N, C-alpha and C. Protein backbone atom coordinates (compact mmCIF):
# COMPACT_ATOMS: atom_id res chain seq x y z
N MET A 1 30.25 16.26 -10.21
CA MET A 1 29.53 15.23 -10.52
C MET A 1 28.85 15.30 -11.88
N LYS A 2 29.32 14.43 -12.30
CA LYS A 2 28.60 13.70 -14.35
C LYS A 2 26.67 14.29 -14.61
N PRO A 3 27.39 14.46 -15.56
CA PRO A 3 25.23 15.17 -16.22
C PRO A 3 24.56 13.60 -15.34
N SER A 4 24.25 12.62 -16.09
CA SER A 4 24.16 11.58 -15.71
C SER A 4 23.02 11.19 -14.29
N ILE A 5 24.24 11.46 -13.58
CA ILE A 5 23.64 11.36 -13.07
C ILE A 5 23.32 12.36 -11.49
N LEU A 6 23.27 13.34 -12.37
CA LEU A 6 22.13 14.66 -11.56
C LEU A 6 21.10 14.19 -11.99
N LEU A 7 20.94 13.99 -13.56
CA LEU A 7 19.45 13.43 -14.19
C LEU A 7 19.19 12.47 -14.06
N LEU A 8 19.54 11.34 -13.23
CA LEU A 8 19.04 9.81 -12.64
C LEU A 8 18.16 10.17 -11.80
N MET A 9 19.13 11.63 -10.37
CA MET A 9 18.90 12.00 -9.34
C MET A 9 17.27 12.08 -9.46
N ALA A 10 17.26 13.25 -10.54
CA ALA A 10 16.19 14.49 -10.27
C ALA A 10 14.91 13.83 -11.04
N LEU A 11 15.38 12.20 -11.46
CA LEU A 11 13.88 12.05 -11.95
C LEU A 11 13.85 10.48 -11.30
N ALA A 12 14.46 9.94 -10.65
CA ALA A 12 13.95 10.12 -9.19
C ALA A 12 14.36 10.43 -8.60
N LEU A 13 13.44 11.31 -7.83
CA LEU A 13 13.31 12.37 -7.08
C LEU A 13 11.39 13.22 -7.61
N VAL A 14 11.85 13.03 -9.18
CA VAL A 14 10.20 13.32 -9.50
C VAL A 14 9.33 12.66 -9.31
N LEU A 15 9.50 11.57 -9.96
CA LEU A 15 9.00 9.75 -9.58
C LEU A 15 8.42 10.26 -8.27
N SER A 16 9.09 9.96 -7.79
CA SER A 16 8.78 9.80 -5.75
C SER A 16 8.02 10.94 -5.78
N GLY A 17 7.65 12.06 -6.10
CA GLY A 17 7.13 12.69 -5.47
C GLY A 17 5.59 12.46 -6.24
N CYS A 18 5.57 11.91 -7.19
CA CYS A 18 4.38 11.47 -8.15
C CYS A 18 3.98 9.91 -7.87
N ALA A 19 4.01 9.36 -6.74
CA ALA A 19 3.93 7.65 -6.50
C ALA A 19 2.93 7.66 -5.57
N THR A 20 1.89 7.38 -5.23
CA THR A 20 0.78 7.09 -4.58
C THR A 20 1.26 5.90 -3.87
N ARG A 21 0.21 7.02 -2.45
CA ARG A 21 0.50 6.05 -1.01
C ARG A 21 0.25 4.43 -1.00
N ASN A 22 1.11 3.79 -0.44
CA ASN A 22 0.40 2.30 -0.17
C ASN A 22 -0.99 1.64 0.42
N ASP A 23 -1.56 2.57 0.50
CA ASP A 23 -2.44 1.78 1.53
C ASP A 23 -4.14 1.97 1.19
N ASN A 24 -5.30 1.79 1.69
CA ASN A 24 -6.34 0.78 1.38
C ASN A 24 -7.23 2.57 1.05
N GLY A 25 -7.34 3.57 1.48
CA GLY A 25 -7.86 4.32 0.67
C GLY A 25 -8.88 4.64 1.35
N CYS A 26 -9.05 3.77 2.67
CA CYS A 26 -10.37 3.79 3.35
C CYS A 26 -10.65 3.74 4.72
N ASP A 27 -10.97 5.21 4.84
CA ASP A 27 -10.27 5.70 6.86
C ASP A 27 -12.37 5.15 7.31
N ASN A 28 -13.16 4.68 6.22
CA ASN A 28 -14.33 4.43 6.78
C ASN A 28 -15.18 2.97 7.19
N VAL A 29 -15.97 2.48 7.65
CA VAL A 29 -15.95 0.56 7.49
C VAL A 29 -17.25 0.63 6.81
N THR A 30 -17.76 0.72 5.57
CA THR A 30 -18.48 0.71 4.96
C THR A 30 -17.72 0.75 3.40
N CYS A 31 -16.25 1.35 3.69
CA CYS A 31 -15.99 0.88 2.24
C CYS A 31 -14.55 -0.49 2.11
N ARG A 32 -14.77 -0.59 3.47
CA ARG A 32 -13.04 -1.99 4.05
C ARG A 32 -14.22 -2.80 3.22
N PRO A 33 -12.71 -3.87 2.80
CA PRO A 33 -13.10 -5.13 1.75
C PRO A 33 -14.27 -6.44 2.41
N LEU A 34 -14.78 -6.80 2.86
CA LEU A 34 -15.11 -8.76 3.33
C LEU A 34 -14.22 -9.73 3.03
N SER A 35 -14.62 -10.47 3.80
CA SER A 35 -14.34 -12.15 3.28
C SER A 35 -15.26 -12.55 2.02
N ASP A 36 -15.32 -13.13 1.24
CA ASP A 36 -16.40 -14.01 0.21
C ASP A 36 -16.15 -15.67 -0.12
N SER A 37 -16.32 -15.68 -0.78
CA SER A 37 -15.95 -17.62 -0.80
C SER A 37 -14.44 -17.88 -1.72
N HIS A 38 -13.85 -16.56 -1.88
CA HIS A 38 -12.64 -16.43 -2.70
C HIS A 38 -11.59 -16.16 -1.46
N HIS A 39 -11.58 -15.47 -0.90
CA HIS A 39 -10.93 -14.77 -0.04
C HIS A 39 -11.33 -14.66 1.33
N LEU A 40 -10.65 -14.91 2.34
CA LEU A 40 -10.46 -14.41 3.92
C LEU A 40 -9.90 -13.40 4.47
N THR A 41 -10.75 -12.23 4.54
CA THR A 41 -10.30 -10.74 5.18
C THR A 41 -9.90 -10.49 6.47
N ILE A 42 -8.34 -10.90 6.88
CA ILE A 42 -8.19 -10.43 7.86
C ILE A 42 -8.03 -9.36 8.11
N TRP A 43 -8.29 -8.61 9.25
CA TRP A 43 -8.09 -7.11 9.51
C TRP A 43 -7.00 -8.07 10.87
N TRP A 44 -6.50 -6.59 10.67
CA TRP A 44 -5.14 -6.55 11.84
C TRP A 44 -5.84 -5.84 13.11
N PRO A 45 -5.12 -5.95 14.39
CA PRO A 45 -4.94 -4.58 15.39
C PRO A 45 -3.42 -3.98 15.08
N ASN A 46 -3.64 -2.92 15.83
CA ASN A 46 -3.15 -1.83 15.85
C ASN A 46 -1.66 -1.66 15.65
N ASP A 47 -1.06 -2.81 16.59
CA ASP A 47 -0.37 -2.88 17.06
C ASP A 47 0.59 -4.20 16.27
N MET A 48 -0.66 -5.31 15.16
CA MET A 48 0.34 -5.98 15.00
C MET A 48 0.55 -5.75 13.18
N ARG A 49 0.40 -4.77 12.77
CA ARG A 49 0.35 -3.69 11.24
C ARG A 49 1.37 -3.72 11.39
N ASN A 50 1.50 -3.85 9.91
CA ASN A 50 3.05 -3.82 8.87
C ASN A 50 3.55 -2.45 8.15
N GLY A 51 3.03 -1.27 8.66
CA GLY A 51 2.35 -0.51 8.22
C GLY A 51 1.72 0.30 7.67
N VAL A 52 1.06 1.10 6.98
CA VAL A 52 -0.39 1.43 7.00
C VAL A 52 -1.13 0.68 6.43
N GLN A 53 -1.51 -1.19 5.98
CA GLN A 53 -2.61 -1.95 4.88
C GLN A 53 -3.02 -2.30 6.54
N ASP A 54 -3.90 -2.42 6.89
CA ASP A 54 -4.55 -3.18 8.06
C ASP A 54 -5.41 -4.27 8.35
N TYR A 55 -5.58 -5.19 6.63
CA TYR A 55 -6.12 -6.46 7.17
C TYR A 55 -4.83 -7.12 5.58
N THR A 56 -5.65 -7.75 5.20
CA THR A 56 -4.43 -8.67 4.39
C THR A 56 -5.83 -9.63 3.75
N GLN A 57 -5.95 -10.19 2.31
CA GLN A 57 -6.28 -11.20 1.55
C GLN A 57 -5.67 -12.13 1.10
N MET A 58 -6.38 -13.22 2.30
CA MET A 58 -5.74 -14.98 1.94
C MET A 58 -6.99 -15.36 1.46
N PRO A 59 -6.53 -16.63 -0.56
CA PRO A 59 -7.34 -17.24 -0.99
C PRO A 59 -7.72 -18.40 -0.21
N VAL A 60 -8.71 -18.88 -0.46
CA VAL A 60 -9.15 -19.88 -0.02
C VAL A 60 -9.07 -21.11 -0.99
N ARG A 61 -8.71 -22.22 -0.32
CA ARG A 61 -8.41 -23.50 -1.44
C ARG A 61 -9.46 -24.19 -0.78
């Protein structure tokens, strides 16, 4: 293999190891976001979740 391909693969592995998880980081109900006058927060049940994100915030117009 070419050295540039190996370097690219090594760089991709290092960066993926440093990436953070894309969840809300909340294990407690008290730190969960609530709806406000500008956003509606929708809490999804376990069977309707798409990945680790358990809520969606939608803008209110």
